[in-house]
Amino acid sequence: MACYTTIITTEAQKFLPPEFERCNMSEVDHIKNVTIVGIGTQGSMIAFRNALYGKNVTGYSRTQPSIDTCKNKIDKWLAHFIEEGKLTKDEADAVRDRIHYATTLEEACKDADLVVENVPEKIEVKQAVFKQLDEVCPKHCYDAALSLPRPSSVQHGRGSARDDGHPPEQHAHRRILRFR
């Protein structure tokens, strides 16, 4: 069965089609602000789906052209949903208004309850991203990685340090959400 990375509340799960696997999401029902690190093809869809289900989304990319591409994709998906009668124009505008963009991780992650890592499958890139996330994410933030199982050197942020002096395993954003 496919797994969908959109984090939606237990209440909102009742609107999913019957073939979707239900799960008890009460632990993450409080998630309101989702940051997507990497808004290419997959990341832009994750941003769109989370905003569609009512989350405030910040998409992170280092470059403005990537952000513009993501905005264009989302505009096309919203237009399609309007055309199909799945959303009204006002609902589509509300989805669009829930999506913001940032070109620095500090700005992207400052209010995050959940960060979805979606960077290329290169260990050096992932290590660098997780080291930065370790420094900028709020302590309560969850981390979700959309990759193969991460080596412990990436998962535990070896070589990184936070200002609070706690060892990496005590940081709350180390709570990894696993997607099957």
C-alpha atoms as a PDB file:
ATOM      1  CA  MET A   1       0.000   0.000   0.000  1.00  0.00           C
ATOM      2  CA  ALA A   2       1.273   3.463  -0.817  1.00  0.00           C
ATOM      3  CA  CYS A   3       2.157   5.860   1.944  1.00  0.00           C
ATOM      4  CA  TYR A   4       1.334   9.527   1.744  1.00  0.00           C
ATOM      5  CA  THR A   5       3.551  12.027   3.467  1.00  0.00           C
ATOM      6  CA  THR A   6       0.878  14.612   4.098  1.00  0.00           C
ATOM      7  CA  ILE A   7       0.391  14.982   7.813  1.00  0.00           C
ATOM      8  CA  ILE A   8      -3.285  15.544   8.429  1.00  0.00           C
ATOM      9  CA  THR A   9      -5.307  15.564  11.586  1.00  0.00           C
ATOM     10  CA  THR A  10      -7.249  12.553  12.780  1.00  0.00           C
ATOM     11  CA  GLU A  11     -10.437  14.525  12.089  1.00  0.00           C
ATOM     12  CA  ALA A  12      -9.432  15.250   8.482  1.00  0.00           C
ATOM     13  CA  GLN A  13      -8.657  11.570   7.813  1.00  0.00           C
ATOM     14  CA  LYS A  14     -12.400  10.881   7.523  1.00  0.00           C
ATOM     15  CA  PHE A  15     -12.303  12.634   4.129  1.00  0.00           C
ATOM     16  CA  LEU A  16      -9.687  10.274   2.702  1.00  0.00           C
ATOM     17  CA  PRO A  17     -10.810   7.702   0.135  1.00  0.00           C
ATOM     18  CA  PRO A  18     -11.447   4.221   1.605  1.00  0.00           C
ATOM     19  CA  GLU A  19      -8.315   2.705   0.034  1.00  0.00           C
ATOM     20  CA  PHE A  20      -6.047   4.998   2.090  1.00  0.00           C
ATOM     21  CA  GLU A  21      -4.557   3.447   5.189  1.00  0.00           C
ATOM     22  CA  ARG A  22      -5.842   5.135   8.353  1.00  0.00           C
ATOM     23  CA  CYS A  23      -3.575   5.582  11.308  1.00  0.00           C
ATOM     24  CA  ASN A  24      -3.799   7.099  14.743  1.00  0.00           C
ATOM     25  CA  MET A  25      -2.277  10.530  14.233  1.00  0.00           C
ATOM     26  CA  SER A  26      -3.307  11.985  17.590  1.00  0.00           C
ATOM     27  CA  GLU A  27       0.342  12.543  18.499  1.00  0.00           C
ATOM     28  CA  VAL A  28       0.783  14.895  15.540  1.00  0.00           C
ATOM     29  CA  ASP A  29      -2.665  16.512  15.493  1.00  0.00           C
ATOM     30  CA  HIS A  30      -1.070  19.645  16.956  1.00  0.00           C
ATOM     31  CA  ILE A  31       1.105  20.175  13.866  1.00  0.00           C
ATOM     32  CA  LYS A  32       0.106  23.437  12.228  1.00  0.00           C
ATOM     33  CA  ASN A  33       3.291  24.667  10.528  1.00  0.00           C
ATOM     34  CA  VAL A  34       5.100  22.437   8.045  1.00  0.00           C
ATOM     35  CA  THR A  35       8.397  23.279   6.363  1.00  0.00           C
ATOM     36  CA  ILE A  36       9.416  21.464   3.196  1.00  0.00           C
ATOM     37  CA  VAL A  37      13.190  21.527   2.649  1.00  0.00           C
ATOM     38  CA  GLY A  38      13.534  21.060  -1.089  1.00  0.00           C
ATOM     39  CA  ILE A  39      10.527  22.064  -3.215  1.00  0.00           C
ATOM     40  CA  GLY A  40      11.291  20.354  -6.483  1.00  0.00           C
ATOM     41  CA  THR A  41       8.851  17.916  -8.077  1.00  0.00           C
ATOM     42  CA  GLN A  42       8.119  15.870  -4.962  1.00  0.00           C
ATOM     43  CA  GLY A  43       8.506  18.728  -2.481  1.00  0.00           C
ATOM     44  CA  SER A  44       6.087  20.979  -4.343  1.00  0.00           C
ATOM     45  CA  MET A  45       3.411  18.270  -4.192  1.00  0.00           C
ATOM     46  CA  ILE A  46       4.042  17.757  -0.474  1.00  0.00           C
ATOM     47  CA  ALA A  47       3.693  21.511   0.077  1.00  0.00           C
ATOM     48  CA  PHE A  48       0.467  21.578  -1.959  1.00  0.00           C
ATOM     49  CA  ARG A  49      -1.103  18.619  -0.146  1.00  0.00           C
ATOM     50  CA  ASN A  50      -0.259  19.911   3.310  1.00  0.00           C
ATOM     51  CA  ALA A  51      -1.723  23.344   2.497  1.00  0.00           C
ATOM     52  CA  LEU A  52      -4.776  21.649   0.976  1.00  0.00           C
ATOM     53  CA  TYR A  53      -5.358  19.867   4.300  1.00  0.00           C
ATOM     54  CA  GLY A  54      -5.103  23.104   6.256  1.00  0.00           C
ATOM     55  CA  LYS A  55      -1.459  23.286   7.285  1.00  0.00           C
ATOM     56  CA  ASN A  56       0.596  26.470   7.063  1.00  0.00           C
ATOM     57  CA  VAL A  57       3.475  25.596   4.764  1.00  0.00           C
ATOM     58  CA  THR A  58       6.868  27.129   4.165  1.00  0.00           C
ATOM     59  CA  GLY A  59       8.754  25.837   1.160  1.00  0.00           C
ATOM     60  CA  TYR A  60      12.517  26.205   1.287  1.00  0.00           C
ATOM     61  CA  SER A  61      14.816  26.514  -1.695  1.00  0.00           C
ATOM     62  CA  ARG A  62      18.153  28.206  -2.076  1.00  0.00           C
ATOM     63  CA  THR A  63      17.116  29.776  -5.377  1.00  0.00           C
ATOM     64  CA  GLN A  64      14.286  32.030  -6.514  1.00  0.00           C
ATOM     65  CA  PRO A  65      13.835  30.166  -9.842  1.00  0.00           C
ATOM     66  CA  SER A  66      13.060  26.975  -7.897  1.00  0.00           C
ATOM     67  CA  ILE A  67      10.542  28.858  -5.770  1.00  0.00           C
ATOM     68  CA  ASP A  68       8.933  30.308  -8.919  1.00  0.00           C
ATOM     69  CA  THR A  69       8.689  26.828 -10.452  1.00  0.00           C
ATOM     70  CA  CYS A  70       7.026  25.511  -7.296  1.00  0.00           C
ATOM     71  CA  LYS A  71       4.515  28.405  -7.296  1.00  0.00           C
ATOM     72  CA  ASN A  72       3.666  27.716 -10.953  1.00  0.00           C
ATOM     73  CA  LYS A  73       3.095  24.007 -10.282  1.00  0.00           C
ATOM     74  CA  ILE A  74       0.845  24.758  -7.336  1.00  0.00           C
ATOM     75  CA  ASP A  75      -1.119  27.318  -9.372  1.00  0.00           C
ATOM     76  CA  LYS A  76      -1.681  24.672 -12.084  1.00  0.00           C
ATOM     77  CA  TRP A  77      -2.841  22.092  -9.529  1.00  0.00           C
ATOM     78  CA  LEU A  78      -5.205  24.589  -7.945  1.00  0.00           C
ATOM     79  CA  ALA A  79      -6.618  25.526 -11.352  1.00  0.00           C
ATOM     80  CA  HIS A  80      -7.160  21.826 -12.067  1.00  0.00           C
ATOM     81  CA  PHE A  81      -8.942  21.333  -8.731  1.00  0.00           C
ATOM     82  CA  ILE A  82     -11.202  24.299  -9.509  1.00  0.00           C
ATOM     83  CA  GLU A  83     -11.905  22.978 -13.012  1.00  0.00           C
ATOM     84  CA  GLU A  84     -12.759  19.534 -11.604  1.00  0.00           C
ATOM     85  CA  GLY A  85     -15.077  21.074  -9.005  1.00  0.00           C
ATOM     86  CA  LYS A  86     -12.949  19.858  -6.086  1.00  0.00           C
ATOM     87  CA  LEU A  87     -12.310  23.424  -4.852  1.00  0.00           C
ATOM     88  CA  THR A  88     -13.974  26.781  -5.260  1.00  0.00           C
ATOM     89  CA  LYS A  89     -11.871  29.779  -6.242  1.00  0.00           C
ATOM     90  CA  ASP A  90     -12.046  31.049  -2.653  1.00  0.00           C
ATOM     91  CA  GLU A  91     -10.898  27.677  -1.293  1.00  0.00           C
ATOM     92  CA  ALA A  92      -8.032  27.589  -3.801  1.00  0.00           C
ATOM     93  CA  ASP A  93      -7.019  31.111  -2.790  1.00  0.00           C
ATOM     94  CA  ALA A  94      -7.018  30.005   0.867  1.00  0.00           C
ATOM     95  CA  VAL A  95      -4.733  27.058  -0.001  1.00  0.00           C
ATOM     96  CA  ARG A  96      -2.382  29.382  -1.893  1.00  0.00           C
ATOM     97  CA  ASP A  97      -2.375  31.840   1.022  1.00  0.00           C
ATOM     98  CA  ARG A  98      -1.219  29.082   3.399  1.00  0.00           C
ATOM     99  CA  ILE A  99       1.980  28.536   1.394  1.00  0.00           C
ATOM    100  CA  HIS A 100       4.987  30.772   1.963  1.00  0.00           C
ATOM    101  CA  TYR A 101       8.550  30.536   0.713  1.00  0.00           C
ATOM    102  CA  ALA A 102      12.005  31.153   2.128  1.00  0.00           C
ATOM    103  CA  THR A 103      15.547  31.125   0.798  1.00  0.00           C
ATOM    104  CA  THR A 104      17.199  30.587   4.185  1.00  0.00           C
ATOM    105  CA  LEU A 105      16.679  27.650   6.520  1.00  0.00           C
ATOM    106  CA  GLU A 106      16.502  30.032   9.465  1.00  0.00           C
ATOM    107  CA  GLU A 107      13.465  31.776   8.004  1.00  0.00           C
ATOM    108  CA  ALA A 108      11.899  28.549   6.723  1.00  0.00           C
ATOM    109  CA  CYS A 109      12.154  26.695  10.038  1.00  0.00           C
ATOM    110  CA  LYS A 110      11.584  29.410  12.627  1.00  0.00           C
ATOM    111  CA  ASP A 111       7.960  28.389  13.379  1.00  0.00           C
ATOM    112  CA  ALA A 112       8.056  24.786  12.144  1.00  0.00           C
ATOM    113  CA  ASP A 113       6.242  22.004  13.972  1.00  0.00           C
ATOM    114  CA  LEU A 114       7.340  19.546  11.282  1.00  0.00           C
ATOM    115  CA  VAL A 115      10.215  19.700   8.810  1.00  0.00           C
ATOM    116  CA  VAL A 116      10.075  17.397   5.798  1.00  0.00           C
ATOM    117  CA  GLU A 117      13.552  16.819   4.382  1.00  0.00           C
ATOM    118  CA  ASN A 118      13.381  16.362   0.640  1.00  0.00           C
ATOM    119  CA  VAL A 119      16.891  16.969  -0.696  1.00  0.00           C
ATOM    120  CA  PRO A 120      18.855  14.916  -3.255  1.00  0.00           C
ATOM    121  CA  GLU A 121      20.013  11.437  -2.235  1.00  0.00           C
ATOM    122  CA  LYS A 122      23.605  12.477  -1.628  1.00  0.00           C
ATOM    123  CA  ILE A 123      24.920  11.723   1.848  1.00  0.00           C
ATOM    124  CA  GLU A 124      27.051  14.882   2.003  1.00  0.00           C
ATOM    125  CA  VAL A 125      24.056  17.055   1.127  1.00  0.00           C
ATOM    126  CA  LYS A 126      21.832  15.329   3.664  1.00  0.00           C
ATOM    127  CA  GLN A 127      24.463  15.592   6.401  1.00  0.00           C
ATOM    128  CA  ALA A 128      24.869  19.308   5.736  1.00  0.00           C
ATOM    129  CA  VAL A 129      21.106  19.867   5.758  1.00  0.00           C
ATOM    130  CA  PHE A 130      20.586  17.942   8.993  1.00  0.00           C
ATOM    131  CA  LYS A 131      23.432  19.802  10.640  1.00  0.00           C
ATOM    132  CA  GLN A 132      21.770  23.101   9.705  1.00  0.00           C
ATOM    133  CA  LEU A 133      18.341  21.861  10.814  1.00  0.00           C
ATOM    134  CA  ASP A 134      19.865  20.906  14.140  1.00  0.00           C
ATOM    135  CA  GLU A 135      20.886  24.526  14.586  1.00  0.00           C
ATOM    136  CA  VAL A 136      17.719  26.297  13.421  1.00  0.00           C
ATOM    137  CA  CYS A 137      14.695  24.132  14.208  1.00  0.00           C
ATOM    138  CA  PRO A 138      12.570  24.802  17.283  1.00  0.00           C
ATOM    139  CA  LYS A 139      13.045  22.218  20.021  1.00  0.00           C
ATOM    140  CA  HIS A 140       9.492  20.865  19.629  1.00  0.00           C
ATOM    141  CA  CYS A 141       9.869  20.283  15.885  1.00  0.00           C
ATOM    142  CA  TYR A 142       9.407  16.863  14.288  1.00  0.00           C
ATOM    143  CA  ASP A 143      11.645  15.700  11.452  1.00  0.00           C
ATOM    144  CA  ALA A 144      10.476  13.617   8.508  1.00  0.00           C
ATOM    145  CA  ALA A 145      12.921  12.311   5.941  1.00  0.00           C
ATOM    146  CA  LEU A 146      11.770  11.202   2.522  1.00  0.00           C
ATOM    147  CA  SER A 147      14.629   8.935   1.722  1.00  0.00           C
ATOM    148  CA  LEU A 148      16.033   5.532   2.312  1.00  0.00           C
ATOM    149  CA  PRO A 149      16.762   4.814   5.981  1.00  0.00           C
ATOM    150  CA  ARG A 150      19.281   7.373   7.088  1.00  0.00           C
ATOM    151  CA  PRO A 151      22.654   6.362   8.475  1.00  0.00           C
ATOM    152  CA  SER A 152      23.089   7.212  12.130  1.00  0.00           C
ATOM    153  CA  SER A 153      25.635   9.875  11.216  1.00  0.00           C
ATOM    154  CA  VAL A 154      22.857  11.735   9.393  1.00  0.00           C
ATOM    155  CA  GLN A 155      20.030  10.815  11.740  1.00  0.00           C
ATOM    156  CA  HIS A 156      21.898  11.911  14.861  1.00  0.00           C
ATOM    157  CA  GLY A 157      23.605  14.939  13.386  1.00  0.00           C
ATOM    158  CA  ARG A 158      27.130  13.972  14.369  1.00  0.00           C
ATOM    159  CA  GLY A 159      29.387  16.941  14.391  1.00  0.00           C
ATOM    160  CA  SER A 160      26.558  19.366  15.042  1.00  0.00           C
ATOM    161  CA  ALA A 161      25.885  21.313  18.181  1.00  0.00           C
ATOM    162  CA  ARG A 162      23.064  23.466  19.452  1.00  0.00           C
ATOM    163  CA  ASP A 163      23.239  26.452  21.744  1.00  0.00           C
ATOM    164  CA  ASP A 164      21.296  24.694  24.505  1.00  0.00           C
ATOM    165  CA  GLY A 165      24.190  22.359  25.356  1.00  0.00           C
ATOM    166  CA  HIS A 166      22.082  19.181  25.179  1.00  0.00           C
ATOM    167  CA  PRO A 167      23.452  16.135  23.348  1.00  0.00           C
ATOM    168  CA  PRO A 168      21.856  15.496  19.947  1.00  0.00           C
ATOM    169  CA  GLU A 169      19.719  12.574  21.148  1.00  0.00           C
ATOM    170  CA  GLN A 170      17.858  14.924  23.514  1.00  0.00           C
ATOM    171  CA  HIS A 171      16.668  17.311  20.819  1.00  0.00           C
ATOM    172  CA  ALA A 172      12.928  17.024  20.292  1.00  0.00           C
ATOM    173  CA  HIS A 173      13.160  17.399  16.530  1.00  0.00           C
ATOM    174  CA  ARG A 174      15.004  14.094  16.496  1.00  0.00           C
ATOM    175  CA  ARG A 175      11.546  12.536  16.759  1.00  0.00           C
ATOM    176  CA  ILE A 176      11.563  10.952  13.366  1.00  0.00           C
ATOM    177  CA  LEU A 177       8.275  10.311  11.594  1.00  0.00           C
ATOM    178  CA  ARG A 178       8.651   7.150   9.546  1.00  0.00           C
ATOM    179  CA  PHE A 179       6.687   6.696   6.348  1.00  0.00           C
ATOM    180  CA  ARG A 180       6.178   3.200   4.962  1.00  0.00           C
END
